[in-house]
């Protein structure tokens, strides 16, 4: 991303991140410290990566 593509700080908007936990969706901002740490360590699945490893 170049500086041309970056918005000034005052024009940026926070993005709420949700994830699925135990069968229901929940915002990451409501996680406790331990669960947030665990969420940061997760590996995310992509179909492209899965096809390349098969």
PDB file of N, CA and C in Angstrom:
ATOM      1  N   UNK A   1       0.854  -1.176   0.000  1.00  0.00           N
ATOM      2  CA  UNK A   1       0.000   0.000   0.000  1.00  0.00           C
ATOM      3  C   UNK A   1       0.894   1.233   0.000  1.00  0.00           C
ATOM      4  N   UNK A   2       0.620   2.162  -0.862  1.00  0.00           N
ATOM      5  CA  UNK A   2       1.410   3.384  -0.940  1.00  0.00           C
ATOM      6  C   UNK A   2       0.733   4.492  -0.162  1.00  0.00           C
ATOM      7  N   UNK A   3       1.447   5.591   0.015  1.00  0.00           N
ATOM      8  CA  UNK A   3       0.868   6.736   0.725  1.00  0.00           C
ATOM      9  C   UNK A   3      -0.347   7.296   0.005  1.00  0.00           C
ATOM     10  N   UNK A   4      -0.422   7.130  -1.309  1.00  0.00           N
ATOM     11  CA  UNK A   4      -1.560   7.612  -2.081  1.00  0.00           C
ATOM     12  C   UNK A   4      -2.831   6.860  -1.664  1.00  0.00           C
ATOM     13  N   UNK A   5      -2.701   5.572  -1.304  1.00  0.00           N
ATOM     14  CA  UNK A   5      -3.843   4.744  -0.937  1.00  0.00           C
ATOM     15  C   UNK A   5      -4.243   4.863   0.528  1.00  0.00           C
ATOM     16  N   UNK A   6      -3.493   5.585   1.320  1.00  0.00           N
ATOM     17  CA  UNK A   6      -3.715   5.649   2.758  1.00  0.00           C
ATOM     18  C   UNK A   6      -4.513   6.899   3.133  1.00  0.00           C
ATOM     19  N   UNK A   7      -5.546   6.703   3.924  1.00  0.00           N
ATOM     20  CA  UNK A   7      -6.348   7.840   4.402  1.00  0.00           C
ATOM     21  C   UNK A   7      -5.662   8.510   5.579  1.00  0.00           C
ATOM     22  N   UNK A   8      -5.858   9.806   5.730  1.00  0.00           N
ATOM     23  CA  UNK A   8      -5.358  10.480   6.936  1.00  0.00           C
ATOM     24  C   UNK A   8      -6.060   9.908   8.168  1.00  0.00           C
ATOM     25  N   UNK A   9      -5.406   9.937   9.290  1.00  0.00           N
ATOM     26  CA  UNK A   9      -5.931   9.365  10.530  1.00  0.00           C
ATOM     27  C   UNK A   9      -7.329   9.866  10.865  1.00  0.00           C
ATOM     28  N   UNK A  10      -7.592  11.147  10.678  1.00  0.00           N
ATOM     29  CA  UNK A  10      -8.905  11.698  11.044  1.00  0.00           C
ATOM     30  C   UNK A  10     -10.027  11.202  10.133  1.00  0.00           C
ATOM     31  N   UNK A  11      -9.722  10.628   8.959  1.00  0.00           N
ATOM     32  CA  UNK A  11     -10.742  10.103   8.053  1.00  0.00           C
ATOM     33  C   UNK A  11     -10.934   8.587   8.201  1.00  0.00           C
ATOM     34  N   UNK A  12     -10.101   7.955   8.979  1.00  0.00           N
ATOM     35  CA  UNK A  12     -10.199   6.505   9.141  1.00  0.00           C
ATOM     36  C   UNK A  12     -11.330   6.134  10.096  1.00  0.00           C
ATOM     37  N   UNK A  13     -11.858   4.918   9.943  1.00  0.00           N
ATOM     38  CA  UNK A  13     -12.951   4.436  10.778  1.00  0.00           C
ATOM     39  C   UNK A  13     -12.558   3.070  11.337  1.00  0.00           C
ATOM     40  N   UNK A  14     -12.823   2.852  12.630  1.00  0.00           N
ATOM     41  CA  UNK A  14     -12.517   1.557  13.251  1.00  0.00           C
ATOM     42  C   UNK A  14     -13.363   0.468  12.615  1.00  0.00           C
ATOM     43  N   UNK A  15     -12.767  -0.678  12.460  1.00  0.00           N
ATOM     44  CA  UNK A  15     -13.451  -1.831  11.884  1.00  0.00           C
ATOM     45  C   UNK A  15     -13.672  -2.856  12.997  1.00  0.00           C
ATOM     46  N   UNK A  16     -14.909  -3.266  13.191  1.00  0.00           N
ATOM     47  CA  UNK A  16     -15.225  -4.272  14.203  1.00  0.00           C
ATOM     48  C   UNK A  16     -14.970  -5.654  13.608  1.00  0.00           C
ATOM     49  N   UNK A  17     -14.124  -6.439  14.259  1.00  0.00           N
ATOM     50  CA  UNK A  17     -13.795  -7.785  13.794  1.00  0.00           C
ATOM     51  C   UNK A  17     -14.609  -8.791  14.581  1.00  0.00           C
ATOM     52  N   UNK A  18     -15.328  -9.671  13.870  1.00  0.00           N
ATOM     53  CA  UNK A  18     -16.118 -10.717  14.493  1.00  0.00           C
ATOM     54  C   UNK A  18     -15.512 -12.062  14.133  1.00  0.00           C
ATOM     55  N   UNK A  19     -15.676 -13.031  15.004  1.00  0.00           N
ATOM     56  CA  UNK A  19     -15.200 -14.374  14.731  1.00  0.00           C
ATOM     57  C   UNK A  19     -16.195 -15.377  15.301  1.00  0.00           C
ATOM     58  N   UNK A  20     -16.129 -16.590  14.804  1.00  0.00           N
ATOM     59  CA  UNK A  20     -17.050 -17.625  15.269  1.00  0.00           C
ATOM     60  C   UNK A  20     -16.408 -18.368  16.434  1.00  0.00           C
ATOM     61  N   UNK A  21     -17.111 -18.421  17.550  1.00  0.00           N
ATOM     62  CA  UNK A  21     -16.624 -19.094  18.747  1.00  0.00           C
ATOM     63  C   UNK A  21     -17.714 -20.018  19.267  1.00  0.00           C
ATOM     64  N   UNK A  22     -17.416 -21.294  19.360  1.00  0.00           N
ATOM     65  CA  UNK A  22     -18.353 -22.267  19.929  1.00  0.00           C
ATOM     66  C   UNK A  22     -19.738 -22.188  19.293  1.00  0.00           C
ATOM     67  N   UNK A  23     -19.801 -22.034  17.959  1.00  0.00           N
ATOM     68  CA  UNK A  23     -21.065 -22.082  17.255  1.00  0.00           C
ATOM     69  C   UNK A  23     -21.807 -20.771  17.117  1.00  0.00           C
ATOM     70  N   UNK A  24     -21.275 -19.680  17.604  1.00  0.00           N
ATOM     71  CA  UNK A  24     -21.941 -18.388  17.429  1.00  0.00           C
ATOM     72  C   UNK A  24     -20.898 -17.312  17.137  1.00  0.00           C
ATOM     73  N   UNK A  25     -21.310 -16.211  16.533  1.00  0.00           N
ATOM     74  CA  UNK A  25     -20.404 -15.126  16.190  1.00  0.00           C
ATOM     75  C   UNK A  25     -20.341 -14.111  17.326  1.00  0.00           C
ATOM     76  N   UNK A  26     -19.137 -13.569  17.514  1.00  0.00           N
ATOM     77  CA  UNK A  26     -18.920 -12.643  18.629  1.00  0.00           C
ATOM     78  C   UNK A  26     -17.816 -11.657  18.254  1.00  0.00           C
ATOM     79  N   UNK A  27     -17.936 -10.379  18.631  1.00  0.00           N
ATOM     80  CA  UNK A  27     -16.873  -9.416  18.321  1.00  0.00           C
ATOM     81  C   UNK A  27     -15.613  -9.700  19.140  1.00  0.00           C
ATOM     82  N   UNK A  28     -14.476  -9.602  18.490  1.00  0.00           N
ATOM     83  CA  UNK A  28     -13.195  -9.854  19.153  1.00  0.00           C
ATOM     84  C   UNK A  28     -12.960  -8.835  20.270  1.00  0.00           C
ATOM     85  N   UNK A  29     -13.503  -7.631  20.131  1.00  0.00           N
ATOM     86  CA  UNK A  29     -13.312  -6.595  21.156  1.00  0.00           C
ATOM     87  C   UNK A  29     -13.905  -6.994  22.505  1.00  0.00           C
ATOM     88  N   UNK A  30     -14.819  -7.977  22.530  1.00  0.00           N
ATOM     89  CA  UNK A  30     -15.413  -8.429  23.784  1.00  0.00           C
ATOM     90  C   UNK A  30     -14.668  -9.614  24.402  1.00  0.00           C
ATOM     91  N   UNK A  31     -13.623 -10.092  23.744  1.00  0.00           N
ATOM     92  CA  UNK A  31     -12.828 -11.202  24.282  1.00  0.00           C
ATOM     93  C   UNK A  31     -12.015 -10.742  25.484  1.00  0.00           C
ATOM     94  N   UNK A  32     -11.718 -11.688  26.381  1.00  0.00           N
ATOM     95  CA  UNK A  32     -10.811 -11.371  27.479  1.00  0.00           C
ATOM     96  C   UNK A  32      -9.374 -11.401  26.944  1.00  0.00           C
ATOM     97  N   UNK A  33      -8.405 -11.023  27.757  1.00  0.00           N
ATOM     98  CA  UNK A  33      -7.007 -10.904  27.330  1.00  0.00           C
ATOM     99  C   UNK A  33      -6.479 -12.223  26.760  1.00  0.00           C
ATOM    100  N   UNK A  34      -6.758 -13.323  27.403  1.00  0.00           N
ATOM    101  CA  UNK A  34      -6.267 -14.623  26.950  1.00  0.00           C
ATOM    102  C   UNK A  34      -6.847 -15.032  25.613  1.00  0.00           C
ATOM    103  N   UNK A  35      -8.136 -14.818  25.423  1.00  0.00           N
ATOM    104  CA  UNK A  35      -8.796 -15.173  24.165  1.00  0.00           C
ATOM    105  C   UNK A  35      -8.315 -14.277  23.029  1.00  0.00           C
ATOM    106  N   UNK A  36      -8.057 -12.991  23.307  1.00  0.00           N
ATOM    107  CA  UNK A  36      -7.512 -12.093  22.265  1.00  0.00           C
ATOM    108  C   UNK A  36      -6.139 -12.569  21.823  1.00  0.00           C
ATOM    109  N   UNK A  37      -5.323 -12.968  22.774  1.00  0.00           N
ATOM    110  CA  UNK A  37      -3.995 -13.480  22.449  1.00  0.00           C
ATOM    111  C   UNK A  37      -4.102 -14.730  21.581  1.00  0.00           C
ATOM    112  N   UNK A  38      -5.000 -15.626  21.940  1.00  0.00           N
ATOM    113  CA  UNK A  38      -5.227 -16.843  21.167  1.00  0.00           C
ATOM    114  C   UNK A  38      -5.710 -16.500  19.752  1.00  0.00           C
ATOM    115  N   UNK A  39      -6.579 -15.514  19.623  1.00  0.00           N
ATOM    116  CA  UNK A  39      -7.098 -15.112  18.316  1.00  0.00           C
ATOM    117  C   UNK A  39      -5.968 -14.587  17.424  1.00  0.00           C
ATOM    118  N   UNK A  40      -5.037 -13.816  17.981  1.00  0.00           N
ATOM    119  CA  UNK A  40      -3.913 -13.286  17.200  1.00  0.00           C
ATOM    120  C   UNK A  40      -3.001 -14.401  16.684  1.00  0.00           C
ATOM    121  N   UNK A  41      -2.925 -15.516  17.401  1.00  0.00           N
ATOM    122  CA  UNK A  41      -2.041 -16.620  17.020  1.00  0.00           C
ATOM    123  C   UNK A  41      -2.671 -17.583  16.013  1.00  0.00           C
ATOM    124  N   UNK A  42      -3.957 -17.418  15.722  1.00  0.00           N
ATOM    125  CA  UNK A  42      -4.648 -18.334  14.804  1.00  0.00           C
ATOM    126  C   UNK A  42      -4.072 -18.254  13.394  1.00  0.00           C
ATOM    127  N   UNK A  43      -4.112 -19.383  12.711  1.00  0.00           N
ATOM    128  CA  UNK A  43      -3.749 -19.431  11.300  1.00  0.00           C
ATOM    129  C   UNK A  43      -5.038 -19.419  10.500  1.00  0.00           C
ATOM    130  N   UNK A  44      -5.116 -18.562   9.510  1.00  0.00           N
ATOM    131  CA  UNK A  44      -6.334 -18.411   8.736  1.00  0.00           C
ATOM    132  C   UNK A  44      -6.283 -19.254   7.470  1.00  0.00           C
ATOM    133  N   UNK A  45      -7.389 -19.897   7.160  1.00  0.00           N
ATOM    134  CA  UNK A  45      -7.530 -20.767   6.006  1.00  0.00           C
ATOM    135  C   UNK A  45      -7.839 -19.957   4.755  1.00  0.00           C
ATOM    136  N   UNK A  46      -7.150 -20.281   3.657  1.00  0.00           N
ATOM    137  CA  UNK A  46      -7.514 -19.736   2.360  1.00  0.00           C
ATOM    138  C   UNK A  46      -7.562 -20.889   1.370  1.00  0.00           C
ATOM    139  N   UNK A  47      -8.527 -20.848   0.468  1.00  0.00           N
ATOM    140  CA  UNK A  47      -8.665 -21.934  -0.511  1.00  0.00           C
ATOM    141  C   UNK A  47      -7.441 -22.031  -1.407  1.00  0.00           C
ATOM    142  N   UNK A  48      -6.888 -20.906  -1.788  1.00  0.00           N
ATOM    143  CA  UNK A  48      -5.722 -20.911  -2.662  1.00  0.00           C
ATOM    144  C   UNK A  48      -4.549 -21.630  -2.001  1.00  0.00           C
ATOM    145  N   UNK A  49      -4.276 -21.326  -0.766  1.00  0.00           N
ATOM    146  CA  UNK A  49      -3.169 -21.980  -0.057  1.00  0.00           C
ATOM    147  C   UNK A  49      -3.436 -23.475   0.083  1.00  0.00           C
ATOM    148  N   UNK A  50      -4.674 -23.848   0.323  1.00  0.00           N
ATOM    149  CA  UNK A  50      -5.022 -25.251   0.471  1.00  0.00           C
ATOM    150  C   UNK A  50      -4.806 -26.007  -0.853  1.00  0.00           C
ATOM    151  N   UNK A  51      -5.150 -25.387  -1.963  1.00  0.00           N
ATOM    152  CA  UNK A  51      -4.955 -26.030  -3.268  1.00  0.00           C
ATOM    153  C   UNK A  51      -3.476 -26.193  -3.583  1.00  0.00           C
ATOM    154  N   UNK A  52      -2.657 -25.237  -3.177  1.00  0.00           N
ATOM    155  CA  UNK A  52      -1.221 -25.295  -3.476  1.00  0.00           C
ATOM    156  C   UNK A  52      -0.512 -26.378  -2.671  1.00  0.00           C
ATOM    157  N   UNK A  53      -1.025 -26.708  -1.498  1.00  0.00           N
ATOM    158  CA  UNK A  53      -0.364 -27.706  -0.647  1.00  0.00           C
ATOM    159  C   UNK A  53      -0.829 -29.117  -0.933  1.00  0.00           C
ATOM    160  N   UNK A  54      -1.913 -29.295  -1.671  1.00  0.00           N
ATOM    161  CA  UNK A  54      -2.458 -30.637  -1.945  1.00  0.00           C
ATOM    162  C   UNK A  54      -1.724 -31.327  -3.054  1.00  0.00           C
TER     163      UNK A  54
END
